[in-house]
Amino acid sequence: MNINFYLFQYINGFAGKWVWLDVLGIFFARYFGYILALSLFLFLLKDWRKYRLMLIYGFSAAIFARFGITELIRWFWPRPRPFAENHVNLLLDHLNQAAFPSGHAAFFFALSTVVYFYNKKTGYLFFIASFLICFARVFCGIHWPCDILAGALVGIFSGWLILKIFRKKF
């Protein structure tokens, strides 16, 4: 048995046991990302002139990671989701499309990386929130742990790359 399958079975094994944990997992997997994006806009209200480029770079990196790199990898390596291969405790409805790498992980980790380079304390909070979103997606039966890890790496790389390219030009 490989580590990816073992970790998935362990994390997803807690789903369906306690209602409060299921509600929390569904909240983080489906809705918390909207709160995270909204909190970025609220953070920007603090000093719009200083952080407006952070918003532009952050969402550019997130979109590049999610709809560029992630989709390219999925085209070459279409890996099925856990619920398509095994019996899982599935808490959310989801389309059965390629899962590797996780688009949510790529999006939110790219955003977190850019925020981190602008403000370390807020960046740490964004990384923690991104981890919670992604962990919940494994808990809910939508992703394998390696999907999350690969998506996080794609996101971090995308955030770094966007900052490296555009900070020198503007």
N, C-alpha and C. Protein backbone atom coordinates (compact mmCIF):
# COMPACT_ATOMS: atom_id res chain seq x y z
N MET A 1 0.85 -1.18 0.00
CA MET A 1 0.00 0.00 0.00
C MET A 1 0.90 1.24 0.00
N ASN A 2 0.59 2.21 -0.86
CA ASN A 2 1.44 3.40 -0.93
C ASN A 2 1.01 4.45 0.09
N ILE A 3 1.90 5.37 0.38
CA ILE A 3 1.67 6.39 1.41
C ILE A 3 0.51 7.31 1.05
N ASN A 4 0.34 7.61 -0.22
CA ASN A 4 -0.75 8.48 -0.67
C ASN A 4 -2.11 7.85 -0.31
N PHE A 5 -2.26 6.57 -0.62
CA PHE A 5 -3.50 5.86 -0.32
C PHE A 5 -3.72 5.76 1.18
N TYR A 6 -2.66 5.46 1.92
CA TYR A 6 -2.75 5.34 3.37
C TYR A 6 -3.17 6.66 4.01
N LEU A 7 -2.52 7.75 3.62
CA LEU A 7 -2.88 9.07 4.17
C LEU A 7 -4.32 9.44 3.84
N PHE A 8 -4.72 9.18 2.59
CA PHE A 8 -6.09 9.47 2.20
C PHE A 8 -7.08 8.68 3.06
N GLN A 9 -6.85 7.38 3.21
CA GLN A 9 -7.75 6.54 3.99
C GLN A 9 -7.82 7.01 5.44
N TYR A 10 -6.68 7.42 5.98
CA TYR A 10 -6.64 7.88 7.36
C TYR A 10 -7.45 9.18 7.54
N ILE A 11 -7.19 10.17 6.68
CA ILE A 11 -7.87 11.47 6.80
C ILE A 11 -9.35 11.34 6.47
N ASN A 12 -9.66 10.69 5.37
CA ASN A 12 -11.05 10.54 4.95
C ASN A 12 -11.82 9.60 5.87
N GLY A 13 -11.12 8.76 6.61
CA GLY A 13 -11.77 7.84 7.55
C GLY A 13 -12.50 8.55 8.67
N PHE A 14 -12.17 9.79 8.94
CA PHE A 14 -12.86 10.55 9.98
C PHE A 14 -14.17 11.15 9.48
N ALA A 15 -14.36 11.20 8.17
CA ALA A 15 -15.59 11.75 7.59
C ALA A 15 -16.75 10.80 7.88
N GLY A 16 -17.89 11.39 8.17
CA GLY A 16 -19.08 10.59 8.42
C GLY A 16 -19.21 10.08 9.84
N LYS A 17 -18.30 10.44 10.73
CA LYS A 17 -18.36 9.96 12.12
C LYS A 17 -19.03 10.96 13.06
N TRP A 18 -18.73 12.24 12.85
CA TRP A 18 -19.30 13.28 13.70
C TRP A 18 -19.86 14.38 12.81
N VAL A 19 -21.08 14.77 13.08
CA VAL A 19 -21.75 15.79 12.26
C VAL A 19 -20.97 17.10 12.30
N TRP A 20 -20.52 17.52 13.47
CA TRP A 20 -19.83 18.79 13.60
C TRP A 20 -18.54 18.81 12.77
N LEU A 21 -17.84 17.67 12.72
CA LEU A 21 -16.60 17.60 11.94
C LEU A 21 -16.91 17.62 10.44
N ASP A 22 -17.98 16.95 10.04
CA ASP A 22 -18.39 16.97 8.64
C ASP A 22 -18.77 18.38 8.20
N VAL A 23 -19.52 19.08 9.03
CA VAL A 23 -19.92 20.46 8.71
C VAL A 23 -18.69 21.35 8.60
N LEU A 24 -17.76 21.18 9.51
CA LEU A 24 -16.52 21.96 9.48
C LEU A 24 -15.71 21.64 8.22
N GLY A 25 -15.59 20.37 7.88
CA GLY A 25 -14.87 19.96 6.68
C GLY A 25 -15.51 20.52 5.42
N ILE A 26 -16.83 20.44 5.32
CA ILE A 26 -17.54 20.98 4.16
C ILE A 26 -17.36 22.49 4.09
N PHE A 27 -17.44 23.16 5.23
CA PHE A 27 -17.26 24.61 5.26
C PHE A 27 -15.88 25.00 4.71
N PHE A 28 -14.84 24.34 5.20
CA PHE A 28 -13.49 24.69 4.74
C PHE A 28 -13.27 24.30 3.28
N ALA A 29 -13.80 23.17 2.87
CA ALA A 29 -13.58 22.70 1.50
C ALA A 29 -14.35 23.51 0.47
N ARG A 30 -15.52 23.99 0.81
CA ARG A 30 -16.36 24.64 -0.19
C ARG A 30 -16.46 26.15 -0.03
N TYR A 31 -16.51 26.67 1.20
CA TYR A 31 -16.84 28.09 1.40
C TYR A 31 -15.70 28.95 1.92
N PHE A 32 -14.75 28.38 2.61
CA PHE A 32 -13.71 29.18 3.26
C PHE A 32 -12.85 29.94 2.26
N GLY A 33 -12.69 29.43 1.06
CA GLY A 33 -11.92 30.13 0.03
C GLY A 33 -12.50 31.49 -0.31
N TYR A 34 -13.83 31.60 -0.29
CA TYR A 34 -14.47 32.90 -0.55
C TYR A 34 -14.15 33.88 0.58
N ILE A 35 -14.15 33.39 1.79
CA ILE A 35 -13.81 34.24 2.93
C ILE A 35 -12.36 34.68 2.84
N LEU A 36 -11.49 33.78 2.42
CA LEU A 36 -10.07 34.12 2.27
C LEU A 36 -9.87 35.21 1.22
N ALA A 37 -10.54 35.06 0.08
CA ALA A 37 -10.43 36.08 -0.98
C ALA A 37 -11.01 37.42 -0.51
N LEU A 38 -12.13 37.38 0.19
CA LEU A 38 -12.72 38.61 0.72
C LEU A 38 -11.80 39.26 1.74
N SER A 39 -11.15 38.46 2.56
CA SER A 39 -10.24 39.03 3.56
C SER A 39 -9.05 39.72 2.90
N LEU A 40 -8.67 39.26 1.72
CA LEU A 40 -7.60 39.94 0.99
C LEU A 40 -8.04 41.35 0.60
N PHE A 41 -9.26 41.47 0.12
CA PHE A 41 -9.78 42.80 -0.22
C PHE A 41 -9.88 43.69 1.02
N LEU A 42 -10.28 43.13 2.14
CA LEU A 42 -10.35 43.91 3.38
C LEU A 42 -8.96 44.33 3.84
N PHE A 43 -7.98 43.46 3.64
CA PHE A 43 -6.60 43.79 3.98
C PHE A 43 -6.11 44.96 3.13
N LEU A 44 -6.54 44.98 1.89
CA LEU A 44 -6.12 46.03 0.98
C LEU A 44 -6.67 47.40 1.36
N LEU A 45 -7.80 47.42 2.05
CA LEU A 45 -8.37 48.69 2.47
C LEU A 45 -7.47 49.43 3.44
N LYS A 46 -6.58 48.67 4.09
CA LYS A 46 -5.65 49.27 5.04
C LYS A 46 -4.75 50.29 4.37
N ASP A 47 -4.24 49.96 3.21
CA ASP A 47 -3.36 50.86 2.47
C ASP A 47 -3.40 50.47 1.00
N TRP A 48 -4.38 51.01 0.28
CA TRP A 48 -4.62 50.62 -1.10
C TRP A 48 -3.41 50.87 -1.99
N ARG A 49 -2.76 52.01 -1.86
CA ARG A 49 -1.62 52.33 -2.73
C ARG A 49 -0.46 51.36 -2.53
N LYS A 50 -0.23 50.97 -1.30
CA LYS A 50 0.89 50.09 -1.00
C LYS A 50 0.63 48.65 -1.47
N TYR A 51 -0.63 48.19 -1.36
CA TYR A 51 -0.92 46.78 -1.60
C TYR A 51 -1.70 46.49 -2.88
N ARG A 52 -1.95 47.49 -3.71
CA ARG A 52 -2.74 47.23 -4.92
C ARG A 52 -2.00 46.30 -5.89
N LEU A 53 -0.69 46.42 -5.97
CA LEU A 53 0.08 45.51 -6.82
C LEU A 53 0.05 44.09 -6.27
N MET A 54 -0.03 43.97 -4.94
CA MET A 54 -0.14 42.65 -4.34
C MET A 54 -1.41 41.95 -4.83
N LEU A 55 -2.48 42.70 -4.92
CA LEU A 55 -3.75 42.15 -5.41
C LEU A 55 -3.61 41.71 -6.87
N ILE A 56 -3.03 42.55 -7.68
CA ILE A 56 -2.86 42.24 -9.11
C ILE A 56 -1.95 41.02 -9.28
N TYR A 57 -0.80 41.03 -8.61
CA TYR A 57 0.13 39.91 -8.72
C TYR A 57 -0.46 38.63 -8.12
N GLY A 58 -1.14 38.78 -7.01
CA GLY A 58 -1.71 37.62 -6.33
C GLY A 58 -2.74 36.89 -7.18
N PHE A 59 -3.68 37.64 -7.73
CA PHE A 59 -4.70 36.99 -8.54
C PHE A 59 -4.16 36.57 -9.90
N SER A 60 -3.15 37.27 -10.41
CA SER A 60 -2.50 36.83 -11.65
C SER A 60 -1.81 35.49 -11.44
N ALA A 61 -1.09 35.38 -10.34
CA ALA A 61 -0.40 34.13 -10.04
C ALA A 61 -1.39 33.00 -9.80
N ALA A 62 -2.47 33.30 -9.09
CA ALA A 62 -3.48 32.29 -8.79
C ALA A 62 -4.16 31.79 -10.06
N ILE A 63 -4.50 32.69 -10.94
CA ILE A 63 -5.16 32.31 -12.19
C ILE A 63 -4.19 31.56 -13.10
N PHE A 64 -2.93 32.02 -13.15
CA PHE A 64 -1.91 31.32 -13.94
C PHE A 64 -1.70 29.90 -13.42
N ALA A 65 -1.65 29.76 -12.09
CA ALA A 65 -1.45 28.44 -11.49
C ALA A 65 -2.65 27.53 -11.76
N ARG A 66 -3.84 28.06 -11.52
CA ARG A 66 -5.05 27.23 -11.62
C ARG A 66 -5.43 26.89 -13.06
N PHE A 67 -5.46 27.89 -13.92
CA PHE A 67 -5.97 27.67 -15.27
C PHE A 67 -4.87 27.49 -16.32
N GLY A 68 -3.62 27.71 -15.93
CA GLY A 68 -2.50 27.52 -16.84
C GLY A 68 -1.77 26.24 -16.55
N ILE A 69 -0.95 26.27 -15.53
CA ILE A 69 -0.09 25.13 -15.21
C ILE A 69 -0.90 23.89 -14.83
N THR A 70 -1.88 24.07 -13.95
CA THR A 70 -2.68 22.93 -13.49
C THR A 70 -3.38 22.23 -14.65
N GLU A 71 -4.02 22.99 -15.51
CA GLU A 71 -4.73 22.38 -16.64
C GLU A 71 -3.78 21.73 -17.63
N LEU A 72 -2.60 22.29 -17.80
CA LEU A 72 -1.60 21.69 -18.67
C LEU A 72 -1.16 20.32 -18.12
N ILE A 73 -0.89 20.26 -16.83
CA ILE A 73 -0.51 18.99 -16.21
C ILE A 73 -1.65 17.98 -16.31
N ARG A 74 -2.87 18.43 -16.05
CA ARG A 74 -4.03 17.53 -16.13
C ARG A 74 -4.24 16.99 -17.54
N TRP A 75 -3.89 17.78 -18.53
CA TRP A 75 -4.05 17.34 -19.92
C TRP A 75 -3.09 16.19 -20.22
N PHE A 76 -1.85 16.30 -19.70
CA PHE A 76 -0.86 15.25 -19.93
C PHE A 76 -1.02 14.06 -18.98
N TRP A 77 -1.54 14.31 -17.78
CA TRP A 77 -1.64 13.25 -16.79
C TRP A 77 -3.00 13.32 -16.11
N PRO A 78 -4.04 12.79 -16.75
CA PRO A 78 -5.39 12.86 -16.18
C PRO A 78 -5.59 11.79 -15.10
N ARG A 79 -5.36 12.15 -13.87
CA ARG A 79 -5.51 11.22 -12.75
C ARG A 79 -6.91 11.31 -12.17
N PRO A 80 -7.58 10.18 -11.97
CA PRO A 80 -8.95 10.21 -11.43
C PRO A 80 -8.99 10.61 -9.95
N ARG A 81 -10.13 11.06 -9.54
CA ARG A 81 -10.35 11.44 -8.14
C ARG A 81 -10.54 10.20 -7.28
N PRO A 82 -10.35 10.33 -5.98
CA PRO A 82 -10.47 9.16 -5.10
C PRO A 82 -11.84 8.47 -5.18
N PHE A 83 -12.90 9.25 -5.28
CA PHE A 83 -14.23 8.64 -5.29
C PHE A 83 -14.51 7.89 -6.59
N ALA A 84 -13.71 8.10 -7.63
CA ALA A 84 -13.88 7.37 -8.88
C ALA A 84 -13.20 6.01 -8.83
N GLU A 85 -12.21 5.86 -7.96
CA GLU A 85 -11.44 4.62 -7.89
C GLU A 85 -11.81 3.74 -6.71
N ASN A 86 -12.20 4.32 -5.61
CA ASN A 86 -12.40 3.57 -4.37
C ASN A 86 -13.69 3.99 -3.69
N HIS A 87 -14.05 3.19 -2.71
CA HIS A 87 -15.16 3.57 -1.85
C HIS A 87 -14.62 4.57 -0.83
N VAL A 88 -15.17 5.76 -0.84
CA VAL A 88 -14.72 6.81 0.09
C VAL A 88 -15.92 7.40 0.79
N ASN A 89 -15.65 8.13 1.85
CA ASN A 89 -16.68 8.90 2.54
C ASN A 89 -16.78 10.24 1.83
N LEU A 90 -17.61 10.32 0.80
CA LEU A 90 -17.72 11.53 -0.01
C LEU A 90 -18.74 12.46 0.61
N LEU A 91 -18.30 13.65 1.02
CA LEU A 91 -19.18 14.61 1.67
C LEU A 91 -19.68 15.70 0.73
N LEU A 92 -19.04 15.87 -0.42
CA LEU A 92 -19.41 16.91 -1.37
C LEU A 92 -19.64 16.30 -2.75
N ASP A 93 -20.59 16.82 -3.47
CA ASP A 93 -20.75 16.44 -4.86
C ASP A 93 -19.67 17.13 -5.68
N HIS A 94 -19.10 16.41 -6.62
CA HIS A 94 -18.06 16.98 -7.45
C HIS A 94 -18.05 16.26 -8.79
N LEU A 95 -17.70 16.99 -9.83
CA LEU A 95 -17.55 16.37 -11.15
C LEU A 95 -16.39 15.39 -11.12
N ASN A 96 -16.55 14.30 -11.82
CA ASN A 96 -15.47 13.32 -11.90
C ASN A 96 -14.54 13.69 -13.05
N GLN A 97 -13.66 14.62 -12.79
CA GLN A 97 -12.67 15.06 -13.77
C GLN A 97 -11.29 14.88 -13.17
N ALA A 98 -10.27 15.16 -13.94
CA ALA A 98 -8.90 14.97 -13.47
C ALA A 98 -8.65 15.73 -12.17
N ALA A 99 -7.89 15.09 -11.28
CA ALA A 99 -7.67 15.65 -9.96
C ALA A 99 -6.26 16.13 -9.70
N PHE A 100 -5.31 15.70 -10.51
CA PHE A 100 -3.90 16.01 -10.24
C PHE A 100 -3.40 17.08 -11.18
N PRO A 101 -2.84 18.14 -10.67
CA PRO A 101 -2.78 18.61 -9.29
C PRO A 101 -4.05 19.34 -8.90
N SER A 102 -4.21 19.59 -7.64
CA SER A 102 -5.40 20.27 -7.14
C SER A 102 -5.42 21.73 -7.59
N GLY A 103 -6.50 22.11 -8.26
CA GLY A 103 -6.67 23.50 -8.68
C GLY A 103 -6.86 24.44 -7.51
N HIS A 104 -7.59 23.98 -6.49
CA HIS A 104 -7.78 24.81 -5.30
C HIS A 104 -6.44 25.07 -4.61
N ALA A 105 -5.64 24.02 -4.46
CA ALA A 105 -4.33 24.19 -3.82
C ALA A 105 -3.46 25.14 -4.62
N ALA A 106 -3.44 24.97 -5.94
CA ALA A 106 -2.63 25.85 -6.78
C ALA A 106 -3.08 27.29 -6.64
N PHE A 107 -4.38 27.53 -6.69
CA PHE A 107 -4.93 28.88 -6.62
C PHE A 107 -4.59 29.54 -5.28
N PHE A 108 -4.93 28.88 -4.19
CA PHE A 108 -4.77 29.51 -2.88
C PHE A 108 -3.32 29.58 -2.42
N PHE A 109 -2.50 28.62 -2.79
CA PHE A 109 -1.09 28.72 -2.41
C PHE A 109 -0.36 29.77 -3.25
N ALA A 110 -0.77 29.98 -4.49
CA ALA A 110 -0.19 31.07 -5.29
C ALA A 110 -0.54 32.41 -4.67
N LEU A 111 -1.79 32.57 -4.30
CA LEU A 111 -2.24 33.80 -3.65
C LEU A 111 -1.49 34.00 -2.33
N SER A 112 -1.34 32.96 -1.55
CA SER A 112 -0.65 33.04 -0.26
C SER A 112 0.82 33.40 -0.43
N THR A 113 1.44 32.89 -1.47
CA THR A 113 2.86 33.18 -1.71
C THR A 113 3.06 34.67 -1.99
N VAL A 114 2.23 35.23 -2.82
CA VAL A 114 2.35 36.66 -3.13
C VAL A 114 2.07 37.50 -1.88
N VAL A 115 1.05 37.15 -1.12
CA VAL A 115 0.74 37.88 0.11
C VAL A 115 1.94 37.79 1.06
N TYR A 116 2.54 36.62 1.17
CA TYR A 116 3.68 36.44 2.06
C TYR A 116 4.84 37.36 1.69
N PHE A 117 5.11 37.52 0.40
CA PHE A 117 6.22 38.38 -0.01
C PHE A 117 5.95 39.86 0.26
N TYR A 118 4.70 40.22 0.40
CA TYR A 118 4.35 41.61 0.72
C TYR A 118 4.22 41.84 2.22
N ASN A 119 3.70 40.84 2.94
CA ASN A 119 3.47 40.99 4.37
C ASN A 119 3.60 39.60 5.01
N LYS A 120 4.67 39.37 5.73
CA LYS A 120 4.98 38.04 6.27
C LYS A 120 3.88 37.52 7.22
N LYS A 121 3.44 38.34 8.15
CA LYS A 121 2.44 37.88 9.13
C LYS A 121 1.13 37.48 8.45
N THR A 122 0.66 38.31 7.56
CA THR A 122 -0.57 38.00 6.84
C THR A 122 -0.35 36.81 5.92
N GLY A 123 0.83 36.71 5.34
CA GLY A 123 1.16 35.59 4.48
C GLY A 123 1.10 34.26 5.22
N TYR A 124 1.61 34.23 6.45
CA TYR A 124 1.52 33.01 7.26
C TYR A 124 0.06 32.62 7.47
N LEU A 125 -0.77 33.59 7.78
CA LEU A 125 -2.19 33.31 7.98
C LEU A 125 -2.84 32.77 6.70
N PHE A 126 -2.46 33.33 5.57
CA PHE A 126 -2.99 32.86 4.29
C PHE A 126 -2.51 31.43 4.00
N PHE A 127 -1.27 31.12 4.32
CA PHE A 127 -0.78 29.75 4.12
C PHE A 127 -1.54 28.76 5.02
N ILE A 128 -1.79 29.14 6.26
CA ILE A 128 -2.55 28.28 7.16
C ILE A 128 -3.96 28.08 6.62
N ALA A 129 -4.60 29.17 6.16
CA ALA A 129 -5.95 29.06 5.60
C ALA A 129 -5.95 28.20 4.34
N SER A 130 -4.95 28.34 3.51
CA SER A 130 -4.84 27.52 2.29
C SER A 130 -4.69 26.05 2.65
N PHE A 131 -3.89 25.77 3.66
CA PHE A 131 -3.72 24.39 4.11
C PHE A 131 -5.05 23.82 4.60
N LEU A 132 -5.80 24.60 5.37
CA LEU A 132 -7.09 24.12 5.89
C LEU A 132 -8.07 23.82 4.75
N ILE A 133 -8.09 24.68 3.75
CA ILE A 133 -8.97 24.46 2.60
C ILE A 133 -8.59 23.15 1.91
N CYS A 134 -7.32 22.96 1.69
CA CYS A 134 -6.85 21.78 0.96
C CYS A 134 -6.98 20.50 1.78
N PHE A 135 -6.68 20.57 3.05
CA PHE A 135 -6.84 19.41 3.93
C PHE A 135 -8.30 18.98 3.96
N ALA A 136 -9.20 19.94 4.00
CA ALA A 136 -10.63 19.64 4.02
C ALA A 136 -11.07 18.96 2.73
N ARG A 137 -10.43 19.25 1.64
CA ARG A 137 -10.80 18.62 0.37
C ARG A 137 -10.38 17.14 0.35
N VAL A 138 -9.32 16.80 1.05
CA VAL A 138 -8.98 15.39 1.24
C VAL A 138 -9.98 14.74 2.20
N PHE A 139 -10.27 15.43 3.29
CA PHE A 139 -11.23 14.94 4.28
C PHE A 139 -12.58 14.64 3.64
N CYS A 140 -13.02 15.51 2.74
CA CYS A 140 -14.32 15.36 2.09
C CYS A 140 -14.31 14.33 0.95
N GLY A 141 -13.16 13.78 0.60
CA GLY A 141 -13.07 12.73 -0.39
C GLY A 141 -12.90 13.19 -1.82
N ILE A 142 -12.51 14.44 -2.02
CA ILE A 142 -12.41 14.99 -3.37
C ILE A 142 -11.01 14.87 -3.96
N HIS A 143 -9.97 14.91 -3.11
CA HIS A 143 -8.59 14.88 -3.60
C HIS A 143 -7.75 13.86 -2.84
N TRP A 144 -6.74 13.38 -3.52
CA TRP A 144 -5.68 12.59 -2.90
C TRP A 144 -4.69 13.57 -2.26
N PRO A 145 -3.97 13.16 -1.22
CA PRO A 145 -2.95 14.04 -0.62
C PRO A 145 -1.88 14.49 -1.62
N CYS A 146 -1.48 13.63 -2.56
CA CYS A 146 -0.46 14.04 -3.54
C CYS A 146 -1.01 15.09 -4.50
N ASP A 147 -2.33 15.11 -4.75
CA ASP A 147 -2.94 16.17 -5.56
C ASP A 147 -2.75 17.52 -4.88
N ILE A 148 -2.95 17.51 -3.57
CA ILE A 148 -2.82 18.74 -2.78
C ILE A 148 -1.36 19.20 -2.75
N LEU A 149 -0.46 18.28 -2.50
CA LEU A 149 0.96 18.63 -2.45
C LEU A 149 1.43 19.19 -3.79
N ALA A 150 1.07 18.53 -4.87
CA ALA A 150 1.47 19.02 -6.20
C ALA A 150 0.84 20.38 -6.50
N GLY A 151 -0.43 20.56 -6.16
CA GLY A 151 -1.09 21.85 -6.37
C GLY A 151 -0.44 22.95 -5.55
N ALA A 152 -0.06 22.64 -4.32
CA ALA A 152 0.61 23.63 -3.47
C ALA A 152 1.96 24.03 -4.08
N LEU A 153 2.70 23.05 -4.56
CA LEU A 153 4.00 23.36 -5.20
C LEU A 153 3.81 24.19 -6.46
N VAL A 154 2.81 23.85 -7.27
CA VAL A 154 2.50 24.64 -8.47
C VAL A 154 2.15 26.07 -8.07
N GLY A 155 1.33 26.22 -7.04
CA GLY A 155 0.92 27.54 -6.58
C GLY A 155 2.08 28.37 -6.06
N ILE A 156 2.91 27.77 -5.23
CA ILE A 156 4.06 28.48 -4.68
C ILE A 156 5.01 28.90 -5.80
N PHE A 157 5.26 27.99 -6.72
CA PHE A 157 6.13 28.31 -7.85
C PHE A 157 5.52 29.44 -8.69
N SER A 158 4.23 29.38 -8.95
CA SER A 158 3.56 30.41 -9.76
C SER A 158 3.63 31.77 -9.09
N GLY A 159 3.38 31.80 -7.80
CA GLY A 159 3.46 33.07 -7.07
C GLY A 159 4.86 33.65 -7.13
N TRP A 160 5.85 32.81 -6.91
CA TRP A 160 7.24 33.26 -6.97
C TRP A 160 7.59 33.75 -8.37
N LEU A 161 7.18 32.99 -9.39
CA LEU A 161 7.51 33.34 -10.78
C LEU A 161 6.87 34.66 -11.20
N ILE A 162 5.61 34.86 -10.88
CA ILE A 162 4.92 36.11 -11.23
C ILE A 162 5.63 37.29 -10.57
N LEU A 163 5.98 37.14 -9.31
CA LEU A 163 6.69 38.23 -8.62
C LEU A 163 8.07 38.47 -9.24
N LYS A 164 8.76 37.42 -9.57
CA LYS A 164 10.09 37.54 -10.17
C LYS A 164 10.04 38.27 -11.51
N ILE A 165 9.05 37.94 -12.32
CA ILE A 165 8.94 38.53 -13.65
C ILE A 165 8.46 39.98 -13.59
N PHE A 166 7.36 40.22 -12.88
CA PHE A 166 6.71 41.52 -12.95
C PHE A 166 7.25 42.57 -12.01
N ARG A 167 7.86 42.19 -10.91
CA ARG A 167 8.43 43.20 -10.02
C ARG A 167 9.56 43.95 -10.68
N LYS A 168 10.27 43.31 -11.57
CA LYS A 168 11.38 43.97 -12.25
C LYS A 168 10.90 44.90 -13.35
N LYS A 169 9.73 44.62 -13.91
CA LYS A 169 9.22 45.42 -15.03
C LYS A 169 8.46 46.65 -14.58
N PHE A 170 7.90 46.63 -13.39
CA PHE A 170 7.08 47.78 -12.95
C PHE A 170 7.70 48.45 -11.77
